N, C-alpha and C. Protein backbone atom coordinates (compact mmCIF):
# COMPACT_ATOMS: atom_id res chain seq x y z
N MET A 1 130.84 85.51 110.41
CA MET A 1 129.81 86.52 110.58
C MET A 1 130.00 87.17 111.95
N THR A 2 130.02 88.49 112.00
CA THR A 2 130.21 89.17 113.26
C THR A 2 129.03 90.08 113.54
N MET A 3 128.72 90.21 114.79
CA MET A 3 127.64 91.11 115.18
C MET A 3 128.07 91.85 116.43
N ASN A 4 127.60 93.09 116.58
CA ASN A 4 127.78 93.80 117.83
C ASN A 4 126.43 93.94 118.49
N SER A 5 126.41 94.60 119.65
CA SER A 5 125.18 94.67 120.43
C SER A 5 124.09 95.45 119.73
N GLU A 6 124.46 96.27 118.71
CA GLU A 6 123.47 97.07 118.03
C GLU A 6 123.06 96.46 116.68
N THR A 7 123.60 95.27 116.38
CA THR A 7 123.32 94.64 115.10
C THR A 7 122.26 93.57 115.28
N LEU A 8 121.22 93.63 114.47
CA LEU A 8 120.17 92.62 114.52
C LEU A 8 120.46 91.53 113.51
N PRO A 9 120.11 90.28 113.80
CA PRO A 9 120.34 89.20 112.84
C PRO A 9 119.59 89.46 111.54
N VAL A 10 120.20 89.11 110.44
CA VAL A 10 119.56 89.24 109.14
C VAL A 10 119.19 87.84 108.65
N LEU A 11 117.92 87.65 108.30
CA LEU A 11 117.49 86.35 107.83
C LEU A 11 117.97 86.15 106.40
N LYS A 12 118.73 85.07 106.17
CA LYS A 12 119.21 84.79 104.83
C LYS A 12 118.08 84.21 103.99
N THR A 13 117.94 84.72 102.78
CA THR A 13 116.95 84.18 101.86
C THR A 13 117.61 83.33 100.80
N SER A 14 118.92 83.20 100.85
CA SER A 14 119.64 82.36 99.89
C SER A 14 120.57 81.44 100.65
N ALA A 15 121.13 80.48 99.93
CA ALA A 15 122.01 79.50 100.56
C ALA A 15 123.31 80.15 101.01
N ALA A 16 123.79 79.74 102.17
CA ALA A 16 125.12 80.14 102.61
C ALA A 16 126.15 79.45 101.71
N ARG A 17 127.18 80.18 101.33
CA ARG A 17 128.22 79.63 100.46
C ARG A 17 129.51 79.51 101.27
N ILE A 18 129.93 78.29 101.47
CA ILE A 18 131.07 78.00 102.34
C ILE A 18 132.21 77.44 101.50
N GLY A 19 133.35 78.13 101.49
CA GLY A 19 134.51 77.69 100.76
C GLY A 19 135.35 76.70 101.56
N ILE A 20 135.93 75.74 100.87
CA ILE A 20 136.84 74.77 101.49
C ILE A 20 138.10 74.72 100.64
N GLY A 21 139.20 75.28 101.16
CA GLY A 21 140.45 75.33 100.43
C GLY A 21 141.54 74.55 101.14
N GLY A 22 142.70 74.50 100.51
CA GLY A 22 143.83 73.80 101.11
C GLY A 22 144.70 73.15 100.06
N PRO A 23 145.89 72.71 100.45
CA PRO A 23 146.82 72.08 99.51
C PRO A 23 146.29 70.77 98.94
N VAL A 24 146.90 70.33 97.86
CA VAL A 24 146.58 69.03 97.26
C VAL A 24 146.78 67.93 98.30
N GLY A 25 145.79 67.04 98.41
CA GLY A 25 145.92 65.88 99.28
C GLY A 25 145.68 66.13 100.75
N SER A 26 145.25 67.34 101.10
CA SER A 26 145.04 67.63 102.53
C SER A 26 143.76 67.01 103.07
N GLY A 27 142.84 66.64 102.18
CA GLY A 27 141.61 65.98 102.64
C GLY A 27 140.36 66.81 102.44
N LYS A 28 140.37 67.73 101.48
CA LYS A 28 139.21 68.58 101.26
C LYS A 28 137.99 67.78 100.83
N THR A 29 138.17 66.90 99.85
CA THR A 29 137.03 66.11 99.37
C THR A 29 136.54 65.16 100.46
N ALA A 30 137.45 64.59 101.20
CA ALA A 30 137.05 63.71 102.30
C ALA A 30 136.24 64.47 103.35
N LEU A 31 136.62 65.73 103.60
CA LEU A 31 135.85 66.54 104.54
C LEU A 31 134.46 66.83 104.00
N VAL A 32 134.37 67.16 102.72
CA VAL A 32 133.06 67.39 102.11
C VAL A 32 132.18 66.15 102.28
N GLU A 33 132.76 64.97 102.05
CA GLU A 33 132.00 63.73 102.17
C GLU A 33 131.51 63.49 103.59
N ARG A 34 132.23 63.97 104.57
CA ARG A 34 131.78 63.84 105.96
C ARG A 34 130.77 64.92 106.33
N LEU A 35 130.91 66.10 105.74
CA LEU A 35 130.01 67.20 106.09
C LEU A 35 128.62 67.01 105.50
N ILE A 36 128.53 66.40 104.34
CA ILE A 36 127.21 66.24 103.71
C ILE A 36 126.22 65.53 104.64
N PRO A 37 126.51 64.31 105.13
CA PRO A 37 125.54 63.66 106.01
C PRO A 37 125.41 64.35 107.36
N ALA A 38 126.51 64.93 107.85
CA ALA A 38 126.44 65.60 109.16
C ALA A 38 125.54 66.83 109.10
N LEU A 39 125.60 67.57 108.02
CA LEU A 39 124.74 68.75 107.88
C LEU A 39 123.30 68.35 107.60
N ARG A 40 123.14 67.30 106.80
CA ARG A 40 121.78 66.83 106.52
C ARG A 40 121.12 66.31 107.79
N ALA A 41 121.89 65.68 108.66
CA ALA A 41 121.36 65.18 109.93
C ALA A 41 120.89 66.33 110.82
N ARG A 42 121.41 67.52 110.56
CA ARG A 42 121.01 68.71 111.31
C ARG A 42 119.95 69.51 110.58
N GLY A 43 119.33 68.87 109.58
CA GLY A 43 118.20 69.48 108.89
C GLY A 43 118.58 70.46 107.79
N LYS A 44 119.81 70.41 107.32
CA LYS A 44 120.27 71.35 106.30
C LYS A 44 120.29 70.70 104.92
N SER A 45 119.78 71.43 103.94
CA SER A 45 119.79 70.98 102.56
C SER A 45 121.10 71.44 101.91
N VAL A 46 121.83 70.49 101.31
CA VAL A 46 123.21 70.73 100.88
C VAL A 46 123.36 70.58 99.36
N ALA A 47 124.22 71.41 98.79
CA ALA A 47 124.68 71.25 97.41
C ALA A 47 126.19 71.46 97.42
N VAL A 48 126.85 71.00 96.35
CA VAL A 48 128.32 71.01 96.32
C VAL A 48 128.82 71.49 94.97
N ILE A 49 129.88 72.30 95.00
CA ILE A 49 130.63 72.67 93.81
C ILE A 49 132.07 72.28 94.04
N THR A 50 132.65 71.54 93.10
CA THR A 50 134.07 71.21 93.20
C THR A 50 134.83 71.93 92.10
N ASN A 51 136.08 72.26 92.38
CA ASN A 51 136.97 72.90 91.41
C ASN A 51 138.15 71.98 91.14
N ASP A 52 138.44 71.74 89.88
CA ASP A 52 139.64 71.03 89.47
C ASP A 52 140.27 71.77 88.30
N LEU A 53 141.49 71.40 87.98
CA LEU A 53 142.19 72.09 86.91
C LEU A 53 141.52 71.90 85.55
N VAL A 54 141.46 70.65 85.10
CA VAL A 54 140.84 70.38 83.79
C VAL A 54 140.00 69.10 83.83
N THR A 55 139.57 68.68 85.01
CA THR A 55 138.76 67.47 85.13
C THR A 55 137.59 67.72 86.08
N ALA A 56 136.71 66.73 86.18
CA ALA A 56 135.61 66.75 87.16
C ALA A 56 135.79 65.60 88.14
N GLU A 57 137.03 65.25 88.42
CA GLU A 57 137.34 64.07 89.23
C GLU A 57 136.69 64.12 90.60
N ASP A 58 136.85 65.23 91.31
CA ASP A 58 136.29 65.31 92.67
C ASP A 58 134.77 65.30 92.64
N ALA A 59 134.19 65.99 91.67
CA ALA A 59 132.73 66.00 91.55
C ALA A 59 132.21 64.58 91.28
N ASP A 60 132.89 63.87 90.38
CA ASP A 60 132.46 62.49 90.08
C ASP A 60 132.56 61.60 91.31
N ARG A 61 133.60 61.79 92.10
CA ARG A 61 133.75 61.00 93.32
C ARG A 61 132.58 61.24 94.27
N ILE A 62 132.19 62.50 94.44
CA ILE A 62 131.10 62.81 95.35
C ILE A 62 129.77 62.31 94.79
N ARG A 63 129.59 62.43 93.47
CA ARG A 63 128.36 61.92 92.85
C ARG A 63 128.21 60.42 93.06
N ARG A 64 129.32 59.69 92.99
CA ARG A 64 129.28 58.24 93.15
C ARG A 64 129.15 57.80 94.60
N SER A 65 129.33 58.73 95.53
CA SER A 65 129.39 58.35 96.94
C SER A 65 128.06 57.87 97.51
N GLY A 66 126.97 58.26 96.88
CA GLY A 66 125.65 57.91 97.41
C GLY A 66 125.21 58.80 98.55
N LEU A 67 125.99 59.83 98.85
CA LEU A 67 125.70 60.71 99.97
C LEU A 67 124.74 61.84 99.61
N ILE A 68 124.59 62.11 98.31
CA ILE A 68 123.85 63.28 97.87
C ILE A 68 123.31 63.01 96.47
N ASP A 69 122.19 63.62 96.14
CA ASP A 69 121.66 63.56 94.79
C ASP A 69 122.74 64.06 93.82
N PRO A 70 123.18 63.23 92.87
CA PRO A 70 124.25 63.65 91.96
C PRO A 70 123.97 64.97 91.23
N ALA A 71 122.69 65.28 91.03
CA ALA A 71 122.34 66.53 90.35
C ALA A 71 122.69 67.75 91.18
N ARG A 72 122.89 67.54 92.47
CA ARG A 72 123.24 68.65 93.36
C ARG A 72 124.75 68.91 93.42
N VAL A 73 125.51 68.25 92.58
CA VAL A 73 126.96 68.40 92.56
C VAL A 73 127.39 68.97 91.21
N PHE A 74 127.96 70.16 91.21
CA PHE A 74 128.46 70.78 90.00
C PHE A 74 129.99 70.77 90.01
N ALA A 75 130.58 70.73 88.83
CA ALA A 75 132.03 70.79 88.69
C ALA A 75 132.43 72.04 87.93
N VAL A 76 133.44 72.73 88.44
CA VAL A 76 134.04 73.87 87.75
C VAL A 76 135.46 73.50 87.37
N GLU A 77 135.78 73.64 86.09
CA GLU A 77 137.14 73.39 85.62
C GLU A 77 137.86 74.72 85.49
N ALA A 78 138.86 74.92 86.34
CA ALA A 78 139.53 76.22 86.42
C ALA A 78 140.32 76.52 85.15
N GLY A 79 140.99 75.53 84.61
CA GLY A 79 141.81 75.74 83.43
C GLY A 79 143.05 76.57 83.70
N ALA A 80 143.31 76.86 84.97
CA ALA A 80 144.46 77.67 85.39
C ALA A 80 144.71 77.38 86.85
N CYS A 81 145.56 78.15 87.48
CA CYS A 81 145.80 77.96 88.91
C CYS A 81 144.48 77.99 89.67
N PRO A 82 144.25 77.05 90.58
CA PRO A 82 142.95 76.96 91.25
C PRO A 82 142.49 78.25 91.93
N HIS A 83 143.45 79.03 92.45
CA HIS A 83 143.03 80.24 93.16
C HIS A 83 142.40 81.27 92.22
N THR A 84 142.66 81.14 90.92
CA THR A 84 142.12 82.10 89.96
C THR A 84 140.61 82.19 90.04
N VAL A 85 139.93 81.03 90.13
CA VAL A 85 138.47 81.03 90.06
C VAL A 85 137.80 81.09 91.44
N ILE A 86 138.58 81.17 92.50
CA ILE A 86 137.97 81.39 93.81
C ILE A 86 138.35 82.76 94.38
N ARG A 87 139.32 83.43 93.75
CA ARG A 87 139.78 84.71 94.28
C ARG A 87 139.82 85.80 93.21
N GLU A 88 140.67 85.66 92.20
CA GLU A 88 140.83 86.73 91.23
C GLU A 88 139.56 86.99 90.41
N ASP A 89 138.98 85.92 89.87
CA ASP A 89 137.76 86.04 89.09
C ASP A 89 136.86 84.84 89.37
N PRO A 90 136.04 84.94 90.42
CA PRO A 90 135.21 83.80 90.82
C PRO A 90 133.92 83.65 90.04
N THR A 91 133.85 84.28 88.86
CA THR A 91 132.60 84.29 88.09
C THR A 91 132.04 82.90 87.85
N LEU A 92 132.91 81.95 87.45
CA LEU A 92 132.43 80.59 87.14
C LEU A 92 131.77 79.95 88.36
N ASN A 93 132.38 80.14 89.53
CA ASN A 93 131.81 79.56 90.75
C ASN A 93 130.53 80.27 91.17
N ILE A 94 130.50 81.58 90.99
CA ILE A 94 129.28 82.32 91.34
C ILE A 94 128.13 81.88 90.44
N GLU A 95 128.40 81.72 89.15
CA GLU A 95 127.36 81.27 88.22
C GLU A 95 126.89 79.86 88.57
N ALA A 96 127.83 78.98 88.94
CA ALA A 96 127.45 77.62 89.31
C ALA A 96 126.58 77.62 90.56
N ALA A 97 126.94 78.43 91.54
CA ALA A 97 126.16 78.51 92.77
C ALA A 97 124.77 79.08 92.50
N ASP A 98 124.70 80.11 91.67
CA ASP A 98 123.40 80.69 91.32
C ASP A 98 122.51 79.65 90.63
N GLU A 99 123.11 78.85 89.74
CA GLU A 99 122.32 77.84 89.02
C GLU A 99 121.83 76.75 89.97
N LEU A 100 122.69 76.34 90.91
CA LEU A 100 122.26 75.34 91.89
C LEU A 100 121.08 75.85 92.70
N GLU A 101 121.14 77.11 93.12
CA GLU A 101 120.03 77.66 93.90
C GLU A 101 118.76 77.75 93.07
N ALA A 102 118.90 78.08 91.78
CA ALA A 102 117.73 78.16 90.91
C ALA A 102 117.11 76.79 90.71
N ARG A 103 117.94 75.76 90.59
CA ARG A 103 117.43 74.40 90.37
C ARG A 103 116.87 73.79 91.64
N PHE A 104 117.45 74.16 92.77
CA PHE A 104 117.06 73.54 94.04
C PHE A 104 116.72 74.62 95.07
N PRO A 105 115.55 75.25 94.91
CA PRO A 105 115.13 76.27 95.89
C PRO A 105 115.07 75.67 97.29
N GLY A 106 115.43 76.46 98.27
CA GLY A 106 115.42 75.97 99.64
C GLY A 106 116.73 75.37 100.09
N THR A 107 117.72 75.34 99.21
CA THR A 107 119.04 74.86 99.62
C THR A 107 119.60 75.77 100.71
N ASP A 108 120.09 75.15 101.77
CA ASP A 108 120.61 75.92 102.90
C ASP A 108 122.08 76.29 102.75
N VAL A 109 122.86 75.37 102.16
CA VAL A 109 124.30 75.59 102.11
C VAL A 109 124.88 74.99 100.84
N ILE A 110 125.81 75.73 100.23
CA ILE A 110 126.57 75.23 99.09
C ILE A 110 128.03 75.16 99.52
N LEU A 111 128.58 73.96 99.52
CA LEU A 111 129.99 73.76 99.84
C LEU A 111 130.79 73.91 98.56
N ILE A 112 131.74 74.85 98.54
CA ILE A 112 132.53 75.13 97.35
C ILE A 112 133.97 74.70 97.63
N GLU A 113 134.34 73.55 97.07
CA GLU A 113 135.67 73.00 97.30
C GLU A 113 136.64 73.49 96.24
N SER A 114 137.69 74.14 96.67
CA SER A 114 138.72 74.60 95.74
C SER A 114 139.55 73.43 95.24
N GLY A 115 140.14 73.60 94.06
CA GLY A 115 141.16 72.66 93.65
C GLY A 115 142.36 72.81 94.56
N GLY A 116 143.17 71.79 94.69
CA GLY A 116 144.33 71.85 95.58
C GLY A 116 145.26 72.99 95.20
N ASP A 117 145.65 73.78 96.18
CA ASP A 117 146.49 74.94 95.92
C ASP A 117 147.51 75.08 97.04
N ASN A 118 148.23 76.18 97.06
CA ASN A 118 149.27 76.35 98.07
C ASN A 118 148.75 77.11 99.29
N LEU A 119 149.64 77.40 100.23
CA LEU A 119 149.24 78.03 101.49
C LEU A 119 148.80 79.48 101.33
N ALA A 120 149.02 80.04 100.14
CA ALA A 120 148.63 81.43 99.89
C ALA A 120 147.21 81.55 99.35
N SER A 121 146.55 80.42 99.13
CA SER A 121 145.22 80.43 98.53
C SER A 121 144.18 80.99 99.50
N THR A 122 143.35 81.90 99.00
CA THR A 122 142.25 82.48 99.79
C THR A 122 141.01 82.59 98.90
N PHE A 123 139.85 82.81 99.54
CA PHE A 123 138.59 82.95 98.81
C PHE A 123 138.16 84.41 98.74
N SER A 124 137.58 84.78 97.62
CA SER A 124 137.00 86.11 97.48
C SER A 124 135.73 86.23 98.32
N GLY A 125 135.56 87.37 98.95
CA GLY A 125 134.33 87.63 99.69
C GLY A 125 133.13 87.77 98.78
N ASP A 126 133.36 87.97 97.48
CA ASP A 126 132.25 88.01 96.53
C ASP A 126 131.68 86.62 96.28
N LEU A 127 132.46 85.59 96.58
CA LEU A 127 132.05 84.21 96.32
C LEU A 127 131.47 83.53 97.54
N VAL A 128 132.12 83.65 98.69
CA VAL A 128 131.71 82.88 99.86
C VAL A 128 131.37 83.78 101.04
N ASP A 129 130.52 83.24 101.90
CA ASP A 129 130.16 83.92 103.14
C ASP A 129 131.14 83.56 104.26
N TYR A 130 131.80 82.41 104.11
CA TYR A 130 132.63 81.85 105.18
C TYR A 130 133.53 80.82 104.51
N TRP A 131 134.78 80.68 104.99
CA TRP A 131 135.63 79.67 104.35
C TRP A 131 136.54 78.97 105.32
N LEU A 132 136.76 77.70 104.99
CA LEU A 132 137.63 76.81 105.76
C LEU A 132 138.92 76.59 104.97
N PHE A 133 140.00 76.35 105.69
CA PHE A 133 141.25 75.96 105.06
C PHE A 133 141.70 74.67 105.72
N VAL A 134 142.03 73.67 104.89
CA VAL A 134 142.40 72.35 105.39
C VAL A 134 143.88 72.11 105.16
N ILE A 135 144.60 71.83 106.23
CA ILE A 135 145.99 71.38 106.12
C ILE A 135 146.05 70.00 106.74
N ASP A 136 147.14 69.26 106.47
CA ASP A 136 147.20 67.93 107.06
C ASP A 136 148.54 67.69 107.74
N VAL A 137 148.49 66.85 108.73
CA VAL A 137 149.66 66.57 109.56
C VAL A 137 150.81 66.02 108.72
N ALA A 138 150.48 65.19 107.72
CA ALA A 138 151.53 64.59 106.90
C ALA A 138 152.27 65.62 106.06
N GLY A 139 151.66 66.79 105.89
CA GLY A 139 152.32 67.86 105.14
C GLY A 139 153.43 68.53 105.92
N GLY A 140 153.50 68.26 107.24
CA GLY A 140 154.56 68.82 108.06
C GLY A 140 154.03 69.61 109.24
N GLY A 141 154.62 69.37 110.40
CA GLY A 141 154.19 70.07 111.60
C GLY A 141 154.51 71.55 111.58
N ASP A 142 155.37 71.98 110.65
CA ASP A 142 155.77 73.38 110.59
C ASP A 142 154.84 74.24 109.74
N ILE A 143 153.80 73.66 109.16
CA ILE A 143 152.91 74.43 108.30
C ILE A 143 152.36 75.68 108.99
N PRO A 144 151.85 75.58 110.23
CA PRO A 144 151.33 76.80 110.87
C PRO A 144 152.39 77.90 110.99
N ARG A 145 153.63 77.52 111.28
CA ARG A 145 154.68 78.53 111.46
C ARG A 145 155.01 79.27 110.17
N LYS A 146 154.65 78.70 109.04
CA LYS A 146 154.89 79.37 107.76
C LYS A 146 153.91 80.51 107.52
N ARG A 147 152.85 80.55 108.29
CA ARG A 147 151.91 81.68 108.31
C ARG A 147 151.37 82.01 106.92
N GLY A 148 151.06 81.01 106.14
CA GLY A 148 150.45 81.26 104.83
C GLY A 148 149.11 81.96 104.99
N PRO A 149 148.74 82.81 104.03
CA PRO A 149 147.46 83.52 104.14
C PRO A 149 146.27 82.60 104.33
N GLY A 150 146.28 81.42 103.68
CA GLY A 150 145.18 80.49 103.87
C GLY A 150 145.03 80.07 105.32
N VAL A 151 146.15 79.78 105.97
CA VAL A 151 146.14 79.36 107.37
C VAL A 151 145.72 80.49 108.29
N VAL A 152 146.24 81.68 108.03
CA VAL A 152 146.04 82.80 108.94
C VAL A 152 144.68 83.47 108.76
N ARG A 153 144.22 83.59 107.52
CA ARG A 153 143.03 84.40 107.25
C ARG A 153 141.72 83.63 107.22
N CYS A 154 141.76 82.32 107.08
CA CYS A 154 140.50 81.57 106.97
C CYS A 154 139.64 81.74 108.22
N ASP A 155 138.35 81.53 108.06
CA ASP A 155 137.44 81.64 109.21
C ASP A 155 137.58 80.46 110.15
N LEU A 156 137.89 79.29 109.60
CA LEU A 156 138.10 78.09 110.40
C LEU A 156 139.24 77.28 109.79
N LEU A 157 140.24 76.96 110.60
CA LEU A 157 141.34 76.12 110.14
C LEU A 157 141.09 74.69 110.58
N VAL A 158 141.18 73.76 109.63
CA VAL A 158 141.02 72.34 109.92
C VAL A 158 142.38 71.66 109.76
N VAL A 159 142.85 71.01 110.82
CA VAL A 159 144.11 70.25 110.77
C VAL A 159 143.73 68.78 110.66
N ASN A 160 143.92 68.22 109.48
CA ASN A 160 143.42 66.89 109.16
C ASN A 160 144.53 65.83 109.26
N LYS A 161 144.11 64.58 109.19
CA LYS A 161 144.98 63.39 109.23
C LYS A 161 145.78 63.31 110.55
N THR A 162 145.09 63.61 111.64
CA THR A 162 145.74 63.57 112.95
C THR A 162 146.25 62.18 113.29
N ASP A 163 145.62 61.16 112.69
CA ASP A 163 146.03 59.77 112.98
C ASP A 163 147.43 59.47 112.47
N LEU A 164 147.93 60.29 111.54
CA LEU A 164 149.24 60.02 110.95
C LEU A 164 150.40 60.63 111.74
N ALA A 165 150.10 61.44 112.74
CA ALA A 165 151.15 62.14 113.48
C ALA A 165 152.26 61.21 113.97
N PRO A 166 151.96 60.07 114.58
CA PRO A 166 153.04 59.21 115.09
C PRO A 166 153.92 58.64 113.97
N TYR A 167 153.37 58.55 112.77
CA TYR A 167 154.09 57.90 111.67
C TYR A 167 154.94 58.87 110.86
N VAL A 168 154.69 60.17 111.02
CA VAL A 168 155.46 61.16 110.26
C VAL A 168 156.29 62.07 111.17
N GLY A 169 156.36 61.69 112.45
CA GLY A 169 157.21 62.42 113.38
C GLY A 169 156.73 63.81 113.73
N VAL A 170 155.41 63.99 113.76
CA VAL A 170 154.85 65.31 114.09
C VAL A 170 154.30 65.31 115.51
N ASP A 171 154.66 66.34 116.26
CA ASP A 171 154.11 66.56 117.59
C ASP A 171 152.77 67.26 117.39
N LEU A 172 151.67 66.51 117.41
CA LEU A 172 150.36 67.05 117.09
C LEU A 172 149.95 68.16 118.05
N GLU A 173 150.19 67.95 119.34
CA GLU A 173 149.80 68.97 120.31
C GLU A 173 150.51 70.29 120.02
N LEU A 174 151.81 70.22 119.70
CA LEU A 174 152.57 71.44 119.39
C LEU A 174 152.04 72.08 118.11
N MET A 175 151.75 71.27 117.10
CA MET A 175 151.24 71.81 115.84
C MET A 175 149.93 72.57 116.06
N LEU A 176 149.04 72.01 116.87
CA LEU A 176 147.77 72.67 117.15
C LEU A 176 147.98 73.94 117.97
N GLU A 177 148.92 73.91 118.90
CA GLU A 177 149.22 75.11 119.68
C GLU A 177 149.75 76.22 118.78
N GLU A 178 150.64 75.87 117.87
CA GLU A 178 151.21 76.87 116.97
C GLU A 178 150.17 77.39 115.99
N ALA A 179 149.25 76.52 115.58
CA ALA A 179 148.16 76.96 114.71
C ALA A 179 147.29 77.99 115.41
N ALA A 180 146.94 77.72 116.66
CA ALA A 180 146.13 78.66 117.42
C ALA A 180 146.87 79.97 117.63
N ALA A 181 148.19 79.89 117.83
CA ALA A 181 148.98 81.09 118.08
C ALA A 181 149.04 82.00 116.85
N VAL A 182 149.31 81.43 115.66
CA VAL A 182 149.41 82.28 114.47
C VAL A 182 148.05 82.83 114.07
N ARG A 183 146.98 82.21 114.55
CA ARG A 183 145.63 82.68 114.25
C ARG A 183 145.05 83.53 115.38
N ASP A 184 145.90 83.88 116.32
CA ASP A 184 145.47 84.73 117.45
C ASP A 184 144.25 84.15 118.16
N GLY A 185 144.25 82.82 118.29
CA GLY A 185 143.19 82.17 119.04
C GLY A 185 141.92 81.91 118.26
N ARG A 186 141.86 82.29 116.98
CA ARG A 186 140.68 82.02 116.18
C ARG A 186 140.56 80.51 115.94
N PRO A 187 139.38 80.01 115.58
CA PRO A 187 139.09 78.57 115.69
C PRO A 187 139.97 77.67 114.84
N VAL A 188 140.36 76.56 115.48
CA VAL A 188 141.11 75.47 114.86
C VAL A 188 140.46 74.17 115.30
N ILE A 189 140.16 73.29 114.36
CA ILE A 189 139.59 71.99 114.71
C ILE A 189 140.45 70.89 114.10
N ALA A 190 140.82 69.91 114.91
CA ALA A 190 141.61 68.77 114.45
C ALA A 190 140.68 67.66 113.99
N THR A 191 141.01 67.03 112.86
CA THR A 191 140.16 65.97 112.32
C THR A 191 140.98 64.80 111.78
N ASN A 192 140.31 63.70 111.69
CA ASN A 192 140.78 62.53 110.94
C ASN A 192 139.58 62.12 110.09
N CYS A 193 139.53 62.65 108.87
CA CYS A 193 138.34 62.44 108.04
C CYS A 193 138.11 60.98 107.71
N ARG A 194 139.15 60.20 107.64
CA ARG A 194 138.98 58.78 107.31
C ARG A 194 138.07 58.09 108.33
N ASP A 195 138.25 58.42 109.61
CA ASP A 195 137.46 57.79 110.67
C ASP A 195 136.37 58.70 111.21
N ALA A 196 136.14 59.84 110.54
CA ALA A 196 135.13 60.81 110.96
C ALA A 196 135.41 61.39 112.34
N ASP A 197 136.65 61.37 112.74
CA ASP A 197 137.03 61.94 114.04
C ASP A 197 137.13 63.46 113.90
N GLY A 198 136.31 64.19 114.62
CA GLY A 198 136.34 65.65 114.60
C GLY A 198 135.48 66.29 113.53
N THR A 199 135.04 65.52 112.55
CA THR A 199 134.27 66.12 111.46
C THR A 199 132.88 66.56 111.90
N ASP A 200 132.30 65.85 112.87
CA ASP A 200 131.01 66.27 113.40
C ASP A 200 131.13 67.61 114.11
N SER A 201 132.28 67.86 114.73
CA SER A 201 132.51 69.15 115.38
C SER A 201 132.57 70.27 114.35
N VAL A 202 133.15 69.98 113.18
CA VAL A 202 133.19 70.99 112.12
C VAL A 202 131.77 71.31 111.67
N ALA A 203 130.95 70.28 111.45
CA ALA A 203 129.56 70.50 111.03
C ALA A 203 128.79 71.31 112.06
N GLN A 204 128.94 70.95 113.33
CA GLN A 204 128.22 71.67 114.38
C GLN A 204 128.69 73.11 114.46
N PHE A 205 129.99 73.34 114.29
CA PHE A 205 130.52 74.69 114.31
C PHE A 205 129.91 75.53 113.18
N LEU A 206 129.80 74.94 111.99
CA LEU A 206 129.22 75.67 110.86
C LEU A 206 127.76 75.98 111.11
N VAL A 207 127.04 75.04 111.68
CA VAL A 207 125.62 75.28 111.98
C VAL A 207 125.47 76.43 112.98
N GLU A 208 126.31 76.44 113.98
CA GLU A 208 126.21 77.47 115.02
C GLU A 208 126.68 78.84 114.55
N GLN A 209 127.71 78.87 113.70
CA GLN A 209 128.32 80.12 113.32
C GLN A 209 127.78 80.71 112.00
N VAL A 210 127.31 79.83 111.11
CA VAL A 210 126.94 80.29 109.77
C VAL A 210 125.51 79.95 109.41
N LEU A 211 125.04 78.79 109.78
CA LEU A 211 123.77 78.28 109.27
C LEU A 211 122.65 78.35 110.30
N PHE A 212 122.79 79.20 111.29
CA PHE A 212 121.75 79.28 112.34
C PHE A 212 120.46 79.84 111.78
């Protein structure tokens, strides 16, 4: 969200819709599981939509987690490449988000997790107000240099699994520097979702930038 000196804040009357994309195995669901309690601790009412190819695996995992009322978790089955339902035709996700808001008035934020996709995956502005892209250290330290649209265009880049850097031969400091460089200094946050390292910073950033 951007404002200039002549722009007045607009009070949102509906839930903010935040997309979370990234490659398979980068830690998107793990990030969602960390954000739910972190956002709730900041007084935010949360709902979740997960996208998978032909299953509800991620939704079921979050429902079983005990972190959120299972009724607040919807699953969208893309039936095609995951980017189709978050970019080309996000109708299914828009309908799911609308239904969540109708069922749970007062919801502050809906986290929309994409199915695992490639570095070219992006979210439609018709679907989300703000979106994160998650990459992981184990995927290779050269990911930022590949300048995929997901890495370059997202509102916030999350570099996950920082704890694995010594084991996969990645220079973490260099990877983060290159990520900041290809994004022209736009925000990058390093995380280790397994140990909740850095995930509170992501939640606080969202509260300050999107959910104020």
